[in-house]
C-alpha atoms as a PDB file:
ATOM      1  CA  UNK A   1      -9.792 -43.614  22.073  1.00  0.00           C
ATOM      2  CA  UNK A   2     -12.995 -44.959  23.587  1.00  0.00           C
ATOM      3  CA  UNK A   3     -14.035 -41.490  24.774  1.00  0.00           C
ATOM      4  CA  UNK A   4     -13.509 -40.096  21.265  1.00  0.00           C
ATOM      5  CA  UNK A   5     -15.661 -42.913  19.918  1.00  0.00           C
ATOM      6  CA  UNK A   6     -18.437 -42.041  22.402  1.00  0.00           C
ATOM      7  CA  UNK A   7     -18.144 -38.356  21.519  1.00  0.00           C
ATOM      8  CA  UNK A   8     -18.615 -39.310  17.872  1.00  0.00           C
ATOM      9  CA  UNK A   9     -21.791 -41.188  18.818  1.00  0.00           C
ATOM     10  CA  UNK A  10     -23.109 -38.191  20.734  1.00  0.00           C
ATOM     11  CA  UNK A  11     -22.385 -35.879  17.810  1.00  0.00           C
ATOM     12  CA  UNK A  12     -24.049 -38.342  15.445  1.00  0.00           C
ATOM     13  CA  UNK A  13     -27.273 -38.300  17.463  1.00  0.00           C
ATOM     14  CA  UNK A  14     -27.127 -34.521  17.865  1.00  0.00           C
ATOM     15  CA  UNK A  15     -26.817 -34.263  14.094  1.00  0.00           C
ATOM     16  CA  UNK A  16     -29.779 -36.631  13.713  1.00  0.00           C
ATOM     17  CA  UNK A  17     -31.785 -34.255  15.941  1.00  0.00           C
ATOM     18  CA  UNK A  18     -30.796 -31.299  13.725  1.00  0.00           C
ATOM     19  CA  UNK A  19     -31.699 -33.265  10.600  1.00  0.00           C
ATOM     20  CA  UNK A  20     -35.062 -34.329  12.029  1.00  0.00           C
ATOM     21  CA  UNK A  21     -36.130 -30.788  12.864  1.00  0.00           C
ATOM     22  CA  UNK A  22     -35.035 -29.285   9.562  1.00  0.00           C
ATOM     23  CA  UNK A  23     -36.604 -32.085   7.504  1.00  0.00           C
ATOM     24  CA  UNK A  24     -39.834 -31.971   9.530  1.00  0.00           C
ATOM     25  CA  UNK A  25     -40.122 -28.211   9.168  1.00  0.00           C
ATOM     26  CA  UNK A  26     -39.489 -28.242   5.417  1.00  0.00           C
ATOM     27  CA  UNK A  27     -41.723 -31.223   4.628  1.00  0.00           C
ATOM     28  CA  UNK A  28     -44.671 -30.502   6.902  1.00  0.00           C
ATOM     29  CA  UNK A  29     -44.875 -26.728   6.419  1.00  0.00           C
ATOM     30  CA  UNK A  30     -47.018 -27.269   3.321  1.00  0.00           C
ATOM     31  CA  UNK A  31     -49.127 -30.163   4.612  1.00  0.00           C
ATOM     32  CA  UNK A  32     -52.795 -29.641   5.385  1.00  0.00           C
ATOM     33  CA  UNK A  33     -54.435 -33.073   5.437  1.00  0.00           C
ATOM     34  CA  UNK A  34     -53.638 -36.112   7.556  1.00  0.00           C
ATOM     35  CA  UNK A  35     -50.708 -34.317   9.167  1.00  0.00           C
ATOM     36  CA  UNK A  36     -50.806 -36.544  12.263  1.00  0.00           C
ATOM     37  CA  UNK A  37     -50.616 -39.733  10.231  1.00  0.00           C
ATOM     38  CA  UNK A  38     -47.842 -38.306   8.057  1.00  0.00           C
ATOM     39  CA  UNK A  39     -45.910 -37.160  11.143  1.00  0.00           C
ATOM     40  CA  UNK A  40     -46.193 -40.639  12.675  1.00  0.00           C
ATOM     41  CA  UNK A  41     -44.866 -42.172   9.450  1.00  0.00           C
ATOM     42  CA  UNK A  42     -42.056 -39.594   9.372  1.00  0.00           C
ATOM     43  CA  UNK A  43     -40.979 -40.340  12.942  1.00  0.00           C
ATOM     44  CA  UNK A  44     -41.212 -44.076  12.309  1.00  0.00           C
ATOM     45  CA  UNK A  45     -38.755 -43.474   9.471  1.00  0.00           C
ATOM     46  CA  UNK A  46     -36.494 -41.562  11.852  1.00  0.00           C
ATOM     47  CA  UNK A  47     -36.749 -44.435  14.362  1.00  0.00           C
ATOM     48  CA  UNK A  48     -35.771 -46.861  11.605  1.00  0.00           C
ATOM     49  CA  UNK A  49     -32.820 -44.583  10.753  1.00  0.00           C
ATOM     50  CA  UNK A  50     -31.831 -44.496  14.433  1.00  0.00           C
ATOM     51  CA  UNK A  51     -31.907 -48.314  14.630  1.00  0.00           C
ATOM     52  CA  UNK A  52     -29.973 -48.611  11.373  1.00  0.00           C
ATOM     53  CA  UNK A  53     -27.286 -46.206  12.625  1.00  0.00           C
ATOM     54  CA  UNK A  54     -27.038 -48.157  15.883  1.00  0.00           C
ATOM     55  CA  UNK A  55     -26.618 -51.439  14.017  1.00  0.00           C
ATOM     56  CA  UNK A  56     -24.150 -50.119  11.434  1.00  0.00           C
ATOM     57  CA  UNK A  57     -21.827 -48.567  13.996  1.00  0.00           C
ATOM     58  CA  UNK A  58     -22.371 -51.192  16.755  1.00  0.00           C
ATOM     59  CA  UNK A  59     -23.723 -48.603  19.170  1.00  0.00           C
ATOM     60  CA  UNK A  60     -25.323 -49.986  22.303  1.00  0.00           C
ATOM     61  CA  UNK A  61     -28.499 -48.182  23.271  1.00  0.00           C
ATOM     62  CA  UNK A  62     -28.051 -45.646  26.032  1.00  0.00           C
ATOM     63  CA  UNK A  63     -30.608 -43.129  27.288  1.00  0.00           C
ATOM     64  CA  UNK A  64     -28.059 -40.331  27.038  1.00  0.00           C
ATOM     65  CA  UNK A  65     -28.290 -40.639  23.230  1.00  0.00           C
ATOM     66  CA  UNK A  66     -31.979 -39.764  23.393  1.00  0.00           C
ATOM     67  CA  UNK A  67     -31.130 -36.691  25.470  1.00  0.00           C
ATOM     68  CA  UNK A  68     -28.551 -35.594  22.896  1.00  0.00           C
ATOM     69  CA  UNK A  69     -31.057 -36.249  20.104  1.00  0.00           C
ATOM     70  CA  UNK A  70     -33.561 -33.949  21.845  1.00  0.00           C
ATOM     71  CA  UNK A  71     -30.789 -31.429  22.468  1.00  0.00           C
ATOM     72  CA  UNK A  72     -29.984 -31.387  18.737  1.00  0.00           C
ATOM     73  CA  UNK A  73     -33.687 -31.049  17.920  1.00  0.00           C
ATOM     74  CA  UNK A  74     -34.125 -28.129  20.339  1.00  0.00           C
ATOM     75  CA  UNK A  75     -30.907 -26.403  19.219  1.00  0.00           C
ATOM     76  CA  UNK A  76     -32.019 -26.657  15.621  1.00  0.00           C
ATOM     77  CA  UNK A  77     -35.398 -25.230  16.580  1.00  0.00           C
ATOM     78  CA  UNK A  78     -33.725 -22.334  18.369  1.00  0.00           C
ATOM     79  CA  UNK A  79     -31.193 -21.605  15.612  1.00  0.00           C
ATOM     80  CA  UNK A  80     -33.075 -22.279  12.376  1.00  0.00           C
ATOM     81  CA  UNK A  81     -36.800 -21.793  13.056  1.00  0.00           C
ATOM     82  CA  UNK A  82     -37.000 -18.188  11.861  1.00  0.00           C
ATOM     83  CA  UNK A  83     -34.820 -18.846   8.813  1.00  0.00           C
ATOM     84  CA  UNK A  84     -36.779 -21.945   7.796  1.00  0.00           C
ATOM     85  CA  UNK A  85     -40.109 -20.142   8.153  1.00  0.00           C
ATOM     86  CA  UNK A  86     -38.946 -17.258   5.966  1.00  0.00           C
ATOM     87  CA  UNK A  87     -37.548 -19.720   3.414  1.00  0.00           C
ATOM     88  CA  UNK A  88     -40.794 -21.703   3.354  1.00  0.00           C
ATOM     89  CA  UNK A  89     -42.855 -18.539   2.868  1.00  0.00           C
ATOM     90  CA  UNK A  90     -40.688 -17.513  -0.093  1.00  0.00           C
ATOM     91  CA  UNK A  91     -40.924 -20.902  -1.774  1.00  0.00           C
ATOM     92  CA  UNK A  92     -44.626 -21.443  -1.042  1.00  0.00           C
ATOM     93  CA  UNK A  93     -45.608 -19.364  -4.088  1.00  0.00           C
ATOM     94  CA  UNK A  94     -43.360 -21.403  -6.377  1.00  0.00           C
ATOM     95  CA  UNK A  95     -44.586 -24.663  -4.876  1.00  0.00           C
ATOM     96  CA  UNK A  96     -48.216 -23.707  -5.560  1.00  0.00           C
ATOM     97  CA  UNK A  97     -47.340 -22.908  -9.172  1.00  0.00           C
ATOM     98  CA  UNK A  98     -45.524 -26.219  -9.600  1.00  0.00           C
ATOM     99  CA  UNK A  99     -48.412 -28.162  -8.066  1.00  0.00           C
ATOM    100  CA  UNK A 100     -50.958 -26.363 -10.240  1.00  0.00           C
ATOM    101  CA  UNK A 101     -49.003 -27.087 -13.436  1.00  0.00           C
ATOM    102  CA  UNK A 102     -48.378 -30.677 -12.446  1.00  0.00           C
ATOM    103  CA  UNK A 103     -52.077 -31.262 -11.811  1.00  0.00           C
ATOM    104  CA  UNK A 104     -52.914 -29.609 -15.137  1.00  0.00           C
ATOM    105  CA  UNK A 105     -50.525 -31.891 -17.029  1.00  0.00           C
ATOM    106  CA  UNK A 106     -51.794 -34.944 -15.181  1.00  0.00           C
ATOM    107  CA  UNK A 107     -55.334 -33.971 -16.153  1.00  0.00           C
ATOM    108  CA  UNK A 108     -54.257 -33.624 -19.792  1.00  0.00           C
ATOM    109  CA  UNK A 109     -52.634 -37.041 -19.709  1.00  0.00           C
ATOM    110  CA  UNK A 110     -55.508 -38.759 -17.899  1.00  0.00           C
ATOM    111  CA  UNK A 111     -58.446 -37.419 -19.957  1.00  0.00           C
ATOM    112  CA  UNK A 112     -58.468 -38.071 -23.718  1.00  0.00           C
ATOM    113  CA  UNK A 113     -58.965 -35.049 -26.013  1.00  0.00           C
ATOM    114  CA  UNK A 114     -62.138 -36.519 -27.542  1.00  0.00           C
ATOM    115  CA  UNK A 115     -63.858 -35.906 -24.213  1.00  0.00           C
ATOM    116  CA  UNK A 116     -63.301 -32.149 -24.473  1.00  0.00           C
ATOM    117  CA  UNK A 117     -64.407 -32.133 -28.109  1.00  0.00           C
ATOM    118  CA  UNK A 118     -67.694 -33.876 -27.241  1.00  0.00           C
ATOM    119  CA  UNK A 119     -68.211 -31.649 -24.208  1.00  0.00           C
ATOM    120  CA  UNK A 120     -67.721 -28.513 -26.322  1.00  0.00           C
ATOM    121  CA  UNK A 121     -70.062 -29.828 -29.020  1.00  0.00           C
ATOM    122  CA  UNK A 122     -72.829 -30.539 -26.488  1.00  0.00           C
ATOM    123  CA  UNK A 123     -72.339 -27.143 -24.838  1.00  0.00           C
ATOM    124  CA  UNK A 124     -72.586 -25.229 -28.144  1.00  0.00           C
ATOM    125  CA  UNK A 125     -75.689 -27.174 -29.202  1.00  0.00           C
ATOM    126  CA  UNK A 126     -77.395 -26.428 -25.883  1.00  0.00           C
ATOM    127  CA  UNK A 127     -76.284 -22.776 -25.985  1.00  0.00           C
ATOM    128  CA  UNK A 128     -77.572 -22.171 -29.523  1.00  0.00           C
ATOM    129  CA  UNK A 129     -80.794 -24.020 -28.722  1.00  0.00           C
ATOM    130  CA  UNK A 130     -81.331 -21.667 -25.802  1.00  0.00           C
ATOM    131  CA  UNK A 131     -80.222 -18.526 -27.740  1.00  0.00           C
ATOM    132  CA  UNK A 132     -80.988 -19.134 -31.435  1.00  0.00           C
ATOM    133  CA  UNK A 133     -80.485 -15.481 -32.426  1.00  0.00           C
ATOM    134  CA  UNK A 134     -76.783 -15.743 -31.507  1.00  0.00           C
ATOM    135  CA  UNK A 135     -76.194 -18.656 -33.855  1.00  0.00           C
ATOM    136  CA  UNK A 136     -73.806 -17.722 -36.667  1.00  0.00           C
ATOM    137  CA  UNK A 137     -75.275 -17.562 -40.166  1.00  0.00           C
ATOM    138  CA  UNK A 138     -74.788 -20.608 -42.344  1.00  0.00           C
ATOM    139  CA  UNK A 139     -73.515 -20.582 -45.922  1.00  0.00           C
ATOM    140  CA  UNK A 140     -77.051 -21.121 -47.278  1.00  0.00           C
ATOM    141  CA  UNK A 141     -78.393 -18.074 -45.488  1.00  0.00           C
ATOM    142  CA  UNK A 142     -75.469 -15.901 -46.472  1.00  0.00           C
ATOM    143  CA  UNK A 143     -75.795 -16.556 -50.234  1.00  0.00           C
END
């Protein structure tokens, strides 16, 4: 029974390696800024998860677990890298659209509508001052 328990631990850390690679590839495919800092934070989260798993299941630390974690990471890289890249390329267009709309709605929420009204009023005054012949005729001039 003890060997089955150890096999379960090895499979758990192999699965954690698979999970780490897939999550890293999906999350950091779209990142452009501060990727090193974000990756350090991500792997600190994985380290916290590793410690939490060890404490929850009373697993004593053994270096073989790290080897199986790397084995899971490398197997995931070998098996899923091409599929994840094609999936990320497909969804990149939708992600850009979602980000653009989200930023637009945040801008609408953050800036009051009176700002745009005043901005438009100042722009039209300056435009008609620069081009007075384009100014629409007033009621007095029409009749």
